[in-house]
Protein backbone atom coordinates (compact mmCIF):
# COMPACT_ATOMS: atom_id res chain seq x y z
CA MET A 1 2.57 -19.98 38.07
CA GLY A 2 -1.20 -19.56 36.57
CA MET A 3 -2.09 -16.47 34.57
CA ASP A 4 -4.24 -15.46 38.15
CA GLU A 5 -1.34 -15.23 40.50
CA LYS A 6 0.20 -13.42 37.61
CA VAL A 7 -1.62 -10.56 37.81
CA ASP A 8 -2.37 -10.50 41.00
CA GLU A 9 1.89 -9.92 41.60
CA VAL A 10 1.03 -6.99 38.56
CA LEU A 11 -1.92 -5.35 40.69
CA LYS A 12 0.77 -4.84 43.50
CA GLN A 13 2.92 -2.19 41.98
CA TYR A 14 -0.50 -0.11 41.22
CA GLU A 15 -2.80 2.19 43.38
CA LEU A 16 -5.77 0.45 43.21
CA ASP A 17 -8.34 -0.68 45.26
CA ILE A 18 -9.87 -3.75 43.55
CA LYS A 19 -13.60 -4.59 43.70
CA ALA A 20 -13.74 -7.23 41.26
CA LYS A 21 -11.87 -8.91 38.09
CA ARG A 22 -13.01 -11.00 35.40
CA ARG A 23 -11.28 -12.62 32.36
CA VAL A 24 -12.13 -11.21 28.99
CA ARG A 25 -10.21 -12.39 25.77
CA GLY A 26 -6.87 -13.34 27.11
CA SER A 27 -6.56 -10.78 29.64
CA VAL A 28 -8.36 -9.82 32.75
CA VAL A 29 -10.69 -6.81 33.32
CA VAL A 30 -10.43 -5.01 37.30
CA GLU A 31 -13.18 -2.70 38.70
CA SER A 32 -11.34 -0.31 41.14
CA GLY A 33 -13.70 2.56 42.44
CA ASP A 34 -15.98 3.79 39.45
CA GLU A 35 -13.17 2.97 37.13
CA PHE A 36 -12.81 0.15 34.90
CA TYR A 37 -9.06 -1.19 33.66
CA VAL A 38 -7.43 -4.08 31.57
CA VAL A 39 -4.82 -6.12 32.66
CA LYS A 40 -3.02 -7.25 28.81
CA PRO A 41 0.66 -8.71 28.66
CA TYR A 42 2.94 -7.01 26.70
CA LEU A 43 5.76 -7.79 24.23
CA ARG A 44 7.12 -5.02 22.87
CA ASP A 45 9.75 -2.28 25.24
CA GLU A 46 9.35 0.95 26.94
CA MET A 47 10.36 2.77 23.90
CA ARG A 48 7.24 0.98 22.12
CA ILE A 49 4.48 1.78 24.78
CA LEU A 50 5.91 4.99 25.35
CA PHE A 51 4.97 5.99 21.48
CA GLU A 52 2.19 4.56 21.92
CA GLU A 53 1.07 6.97 24.75
CA SER A 54 2.18 10.24 23.07
CA VAL A 55 -0.23 9.23 19.99
CA LYS A 56 -3.16 9.12 22.83
CA GLU A 57 -1.85 12.41 24.25
CA CYS A 58 -2.41 13.94 20.56
CA LEU A 59 -5.95 12.95 20.62
CA TYR A 60 -6.05 14.33 24.26
CA LYS A 61 -4.63 17.56 23.65
CA ASN A 62 -7.55 17.95 20.88
CA GLY A 63 -10.26 16.99 23.64
CA TYR A 64 -10.34 13.38 23.13
CA GLU A 65 -11.02 11.51 26.60
CA PHE A 66 -11.97 7.83 25.53
CA ALA A 67 -8.78 5.82 24.73
CA ASP A 68 -7.41 3.09 26.60
CA PHE A 69 -4.36 5.06 28.05
CA ALA A 70 -1.98 3.27 29.73
CA LEU A 71 -1.11 3.65 33.93
CA LYS A 72 2.17 4.18 35.25
CA ASN A 73 2.68 2.11 38.45
CA ASN A 74 4.78 3.08 41.67
CA LEU A 75 7.68 3.36 40.09
CA GLU A 76 6.23 5.15 37.22
CA LYS A 77 6.79 2.68 34.60
CA TYR A 78 4.00 1.66 32.41
CA ILE A 79 5.48 -1.67 31.83
CA SER A 80 5.27 -3.76 34.89
CA GLU A 81 7.02 -7.26 35.26
CA ASP A 82 5.56 -10.36 37.56
CA SER A 83 8.19 -13.15 39.33
CA CYS A 84 8.58 -14.75 35.79
CA GLY A 85 9.87 -11.82 33.87
CA GLY A 86 6.56 -11.86 32.32
CA LYS A 87 5.67 -7.98 31.11
CA TRP A 88 2.34 -6.55 31.59
CA VAL A 89 0.17 -3.32 30.95
CA ILE A 90 -2.88 -1.79 32.99
CA ARG A 91 -4.92 0.05 30.52
CA ARG A 92 -7.91 2.09 30.99
CA TRP A 93 -11.25 0.30 30.01
CA PHE A 94 -14.74 1.11 29.27
CA GLN A 95 -18.11 -0.16 29.88
CA ALA A 96 -19.39 -0.04 26.01
CA GLN A 97 -19.83 -2.65 23.44
CA ASP A 98 -18.21 -3.73 20.93
CA CYS A 99 -19.23 -2.36 16.88
CA ASP A 100 -21.78 -3.87 15.25
CA VAL A 101 -20.67 -4.63 11.75
CA ARG A 102 -24.56 -5.29 11.07
CA ASP A 103 -25.59 -1.94 11.87
CA LYS A 104 -24.90 0.96 8.82
CA SER A 105 -25.48 3.61 11.43
CA GLU A 106 -22.39 2.47 13.66
CA VAL A 107 -20.52 1.35 11.27
CA ARG A 108 -20.39 5.04 9.27
CA MET A 109 -20.23 6.83 12.59
CA ALA A 110 -16.83 4.44 13.00
CA ALA A 111 -15.79 5.96 9.99
CA GLY A 112 -16.52 9.66 10.68
CA HIS A 113 -14.52 8.93 13.68
CA LEU A 114 -11.66 7.70 12.11
CA ALA A 115 -11.09 10.75 10.42
CA TYR A 116 -11.49 13.03 13.47
CA LEU A 117 -8.82 10.21 14.59
CA HIS A 118 -6.63 11.35 11.91
CA ARG A 119 -6.94 15.24 11.91
CA CYS A 120 -5.91 14.71 15.25
CA MET A 121 -3.36 12.77 15.20
CA ARG A 122 0.14 14.16 14.74
CA LEU A 123 3.41 13.82 16.64
CA PRO A 124 5.13 17.11 17.04
CA ASP A 125 8.64 15.16 18.05
CA GLU A 126 10.24 14.08 15.52
CA SER A 127 12.80 11.43 17.66
CA GLU A 128 9.24 10.00 19.00
CA ALA A 129 8.09 8.72 15.80
CA LYS A 130 11.28 8.46 12.99
CA PHE A 131 11.35 4.68 14.91
CA ASN A 132 7.74 4.03 13.98
CA THR A 133 6.88 4.34 10.82
CA SER A 134 4.50 1.51 8.56
CA ARG A 135 2.53 1.46 5.56
CA ILE A 136 4.11 3.89 3.56
CA ASP A 137 6.19 1.85 0.95
CA ILE A 138 2.76 0.80 -0.92
CA VAL A 139 4.79 -0.07 -4.32
CA SER A 140 7.32 -2.73 -2.51
CA LEU A 141 4.35 -3.78 -0.97
CA PHE A 142 2.14 -5.05 -3.41
CA LYS A 143 5.42 -6.51 -5.51
CA LYS A 144 6.05 -8.17 -2.50
CA HIS A 145 2.49 -9.52 -2.71
CA ASN A 146 2.43 -10.31 -6.33
CA ASN A 147 5.69 -12.57 -6.35
CA GLU A 148 4.70 -14.47 -3.15
CA MET A 149 0.82 -15.53 -5.45
CA LYS A 150 3.14 -16.24 -8.45
CA ARG A 151 5.26 -18.60 -6.11
CA VAL A 152 2.30 -20.39 -5.02
CA ASN A 153 0.73 -20.59 -8.79
CA SER A 154 4.09 -22.36 -10.28
CA TYR A 155 4.06 -24.79 -7.16
CA ILE A 156 0.80 -26.05 -7.41
CA LYS A 157 1.54 -26.76 -11.26
CA ALA A 158 4.35 -28.12 -10.85
CA LYS A 159 2.79 -30.97 -8.76
CA LYS A 160 1.58 -34.27 -10.47
CA GLN A 161 -1.65 -34.92 -7.93
CA LYS A 162 -3.79 -31.39 -6.77
CA ASN A 163 -6.24 -31.84 -4.21
CA HIS A 164 -9.95 -29.16 -4.84
CA MET A 165 -8.24 -26.64 -2.15
CA GLU A 166 -5.28 -26.36 -5.04
CA ILE A 167 -7.28 -26.32 -8.40
CA SER A 168 -9.58 -23.91 -7.10
CA ILE A 169 -6.19 -21.74 -6.59
CA LEU A 170 -5.03 -22.55 -10.32
CA ASN A 171 -8.64 -22.00 -11.55
CA SER A 172 -9.03 -18.32 -9.69
CA PHE A 173 -5.08 -17.58 -9.92
CA ARG A 174 -5.47 -15.24 -13.34
CA GLU A 175 -8.12 -12.87 -12.30
CA PHE A 176 -6.52 -12.03 -8.78
CA TYR A 177 -2.71 -12.25 -10.15
CA GLU A 178 -3.54 -9.03 -12.99
CA GLN A 179 -5.67 -7.27 -9.74
CA GLY A 180 -2.42 -7.47 -8.50
CA VAL A 181 -0.70 -6.10 -11.36
CA GLU A 182 -2.79 -3.65 -12.09
CA ALA A 183 -3.14 -2.04 -9.14
CA LEU A 184 0.43 -2.12 -9.01
CA GLU A 185 0.87 -0.29 -12.31
CA TYR A 186 -2.36 2.36 -11.15
CA ILE A 187 -0.16 3.33 -7.96
CA GLN A 188 2.91 3.79 -9.66
CA ARG A 189 1.07 6.14 -12.73
CA CYS A 190 -0.03 8.07 -9.50
CA GLY A 191 2.70 9.34 -8.42
CA ILE A 192 2.58 9.44 -4.15
CA ASP A 193 6.17 10.05 -3.43
CA GLU A 194 4.59 13.88 -2.54
CA LEU A 195 2.02 12.52 -0.18
CA CYS A 196 4.28 10.22 1.32
CA GLU A 197 7.32 12.77 1.83
CA LYS A 198 4.21 15.11 3.97
CA THR A 199 3.11 12.13 5.76
CA ILE A 200 6.93 11.36 7.37
CA SER A 201 7.76 15.30 7.46
CA GLU A 202 4.05 15.72 9.62
CA ASN A 203 3.98 12.62 11.46
CA ARG A 204 0.72 11.76 10.26
CA ILE A 205 -0.10 8.78 12.43
CA ILE A 206 -2.11 5.85 11.49
CA HIS A 207 -4.01 3.42 14.09
CA GLY A 208 -2.66 0.34 12.38
CA SER A 209 -5.26 -1.98 13.32
CA TYR A 210 -8.69 0.09 13.38
CA ASN A 211 -11.17 -2.78 12.94
CA TYR A 212 -14.75 -3.54 14.38
CA HIS A 213 -12.74 -5.22 17.78
CA ASN A 214 -11.00 -2.14 18.81
CA ILE A 215 -13.64 0.26 18.56
CA PHE A 216 -16.75 0.03 21.00
CA PHE A 217 -19.46 2.39 21.63
CA SER A 218 -20.88 3.59 24.56
CA ARG A 219 -24.33 5.35 25.56
CA GLU A 220 -22.29 8.68 24.26
CA ASN A 221 -19.08 8.03 23.07
CA ILE A 222 -17.18 6.10 20.60
CA ILE A 223 -14.06 4.49 22.81
CA THR A 224 -10.85 3.70 20.42
CA SER A 225 -8.39 0.75 22.15
CA ASN A 226 -5.18 -1.35 20.73
CA PHE A 227 -2.52 1.64 19.58
CA GLU A 228 -0.13 -1.57 19.75
CA LYS A 229 0.18 -0.68 15.63
CA SER A 230 0.11 2.49 15.71
CA ALA A 231 2.69 4.25 13.42
CA VAL A 232 3.55 6.76 10.82
CA GLY A 233 1.54 6.27 7.88
CA LEU A 234 -0.40 6.55 5.21
CA GLN A 235 -4.07 7.42 6.96
CA MET A 236 -6.34 6.14 4.29
CA THR A 237 -4.57 2.22 4.68
CA ASP A 238 -6.63 2.67 7.87
CA LEU A 239 -9.71 3.75 6.34
CA TYR A 240 -9.08 0.91 3.70
CA ASP A 241 -8.72 -1.52 6.38
CA TRP A 242 -12.07 -0.36 8.23
CA ILE A 243 -14.14 -0.64 4.67
CA ARG A 244 -12.55 -4.21 3.67
CA LYS A 245 -13.75 -6.10 6.84
CA ILE A 246 -16.64 -4.11 6.94
CA MET A 247 -17.92 -4.94 3.45
CA GLU A 248 -16.24 -8.97 4.03
CA LYS A 249 -19.35 -8.93 6.87
CA ASN A 250 -22.30 -7.48 4.69
CA GLY A 251 -21.46 -9.04 1.27
CA TRP A 252 -20.08 -6.20 -0.67
CA ASN A 253 -22.38 -3.91 -0.33
CA CYS A 254 -22.15 -1.14 -2.51
CA GLU A 255 -24.26 1.25 -1.09
CA LEU A 256 -23.38 0.57 2.22
CA GLY A 257 -18.97 0.96 1.18
CA VAL A 258 -20.51 3.96 -0.26
CA SER A 259 -21.54 5.81 2.54
CA ILE A 260 -18.53 5.09 4.91
CA VAL A 261 -16.26 6.25 2.59
CA GLU A 262 -18.69 9.29 2.00
CA GLU A 263 -18.90 9.46 5.87
CA TYR A 264 -14.75 9.55 6.41
CA ILE A 265 -14.40 12.26 3.54
CA LYS A 266 -17.64 14.68 4.94
CA LYS A 267 -15.44 15.02 8.35
CA ARG A 268 -11.79 15.14 6.65
CA GLU A 269 -11.35 15.84 2.98
CA PRO A 270 -8.78 13.99 1.49
CA GLU A 271 -5.42 15.33 0.56
CA PRO A 272 -4.45 15.14 -2.85
CA GLY A 273 -3.05 11.64 -3.87
CA GLU A 274 -5.35 10.19 -0.77
CA MET A 275 -8.16 9.05 -2.57
CA GLU A 276 -5.94 7.34 -5.13
CA VAL A 277 -4.19 5.20 -2.08
CA LEU A 278 -7.16 3.83 -1.07
CA HIS A 279 -8.49 3.27 -4.36
CA ALA A 280 -5.52 1.25 -5.19
CA LEU A 281 -5.48 -0.81 -1.41
CA LEU A 282 -8.87 -1.81 -2.26
CA LEU A 283 -8.50 -2.81 -6.14
CA TYR A 284 -4.96 -5.22 -5.01
CA PRO A 285 -6.75 -8.70 -3.41
CA GLU A 286 -5.85 -8.66 -0.69
CA LYS A 287 -7.88 -11.43 0.94
CA TYR A 288 -7.18 -13.64 -2.53
CA TRP A 289 -3.10 -12.97 -1.73
CA LYS A 290 -3.37 -13.41 1.85
CA LEU A 291 -5.14 -16.96 1.70
CA VAL A 292 -3.28 -18.59 -0.94
CA ASN A 293 0.00 -17.15 1.13
CA PHE A 294 -1.18 -19.00 3.99
CA TYR A 295 -1.99 -22.49 2.12
CA TYR A 296 1.83 -22.09 0.42
CA ASN A 297 3.06 -22.03 4.11
CA GLY A 298 1.07 -24.02 6.11
CA LYS A 299 1.00 -27.98 6.01
CA LYS A 300 0.23 -29.15 2.55
CA THR A 301 -0.48 -32.66 3.65
CA TRP A 302 -3.89 -31.50 5.06
CA ILE A 303 -6.15 -28.83 3.87
CA SER A 304 -8.51 -26.59 5.74
CA GLU A 305 -12.23 -27.10 4.29
CA LYS A 306 -12.39 -23.80 6.45
CA ASN A 307 -10.32 -22.17 4.28
CA TYR A 308 -11.27 -23.58 0.95
CA GLU A 309 -14.74 -22.57 2.14
CA LYS A 310 -13.27 -19.14 2.72
CA LEU A 311 -11.19 -18.89 -1.12
CA GLU A 312 -14.60 -20.10 -2.95
CA LYS A 313 -16.87 -17.17 -0.58
CA ILE A 314 -13.77 -14.63 -2.16
CA ARG A 315 -14.76 -15.86 -5.63
CA ALA A 316 -18.37 -15.97 -5.65
CA GLN A 317 -18.00 -12.33 -3.94
CA GLU A 318 -15.62 -10.97 -6.74
CA PRO A 319 -18.20 -9.36 -8.60
CA ASP A 320 -20.27 -7.32 -5.94
CA ARG A 321 -16.44 -5.97 -4.76
CA GLN A 322 -15.47 -4.90 -8.46
CA LYS A 323 -18.63 -3.07 -8.37
CA PHE A 324 -17.86 -1.41 -5.36
CA ILE A 325 -14.43 -0.85 -6.56
CA ALA A 326 -15.41 1.13 -9.63
CA LYS A 327 -18.16 3.17 -7.65
CA ILE A 328 -15.43 4.75 -5.63
CA LYS A 329 -13.09 5.35 -8.90
CA ASP A 330 -15.46 7.67 -9.54
CA LEU A 331 -16.24 9.08 -6.90
CA ARG A 332 -15.84 12.56 -6.38
CA VAL A 333 -14.27 14.64 -3.37
């Protein structure tokens, strides 16, 4: 059974008057009356989507209506099944444009919008949140990634014949590994235990995937979608995700990066320890770790030229990245 037939089966389980359908990024957007909805496969369970919708309900109670709220079917369930057992969810959709990563005004507005979301996203019911905790233990994460970088370096050094990708990794390893060690030592010195405890006790929620694929601009509003990775977590991880993706697309433009952070803290004043978390996350060479780890876990008999180019780009952008990190460290809230 094809995707179109499965979607038709799912749509019959809802009270929707379908006028039109179109494929969009592995999903189907449907028009019903004056409203739009997106039909997507869903790989999690009912408990998980109940959590996601409770997060959006927090936003709604604070006056924010422009999230991709899920619809309940005729059985009052969020998840529907096709005849093959596939799970689907229908969410509200909007006529809006993707956030333009080259538009300085939009990326700053999105940072301010994130600050607003963070002020709203605190779940009152501990039972809903305690099973959905993410990105709290940064120390363990940094240790794990550092060990993985060391493992890749040792593996390549032991090889008799090395290709250009492996030579580039060896030549750059010390610089980026030392950054990982520095980030780990910095976050350990800062002592963010109190911030972590407060985050958990107050059920502070992160979006978990706050990037330009999930933020849209209409004429009057900013739309937020894809809460599938939302969880209790250190909210500065969301801001870090936004900054890193935007800065990579803009060549680590220092002025732009600082303005993004300033826009966020204008709308939500960071608490003690939060700017230290942001600095540590920015200091950690995540992109480098991700690329060399991907190399190690992949097929080493064939080297992707695209990944080699990515590695060389990371190395070339490093001076500008370090300039920005220094600016953020000196930023006073």
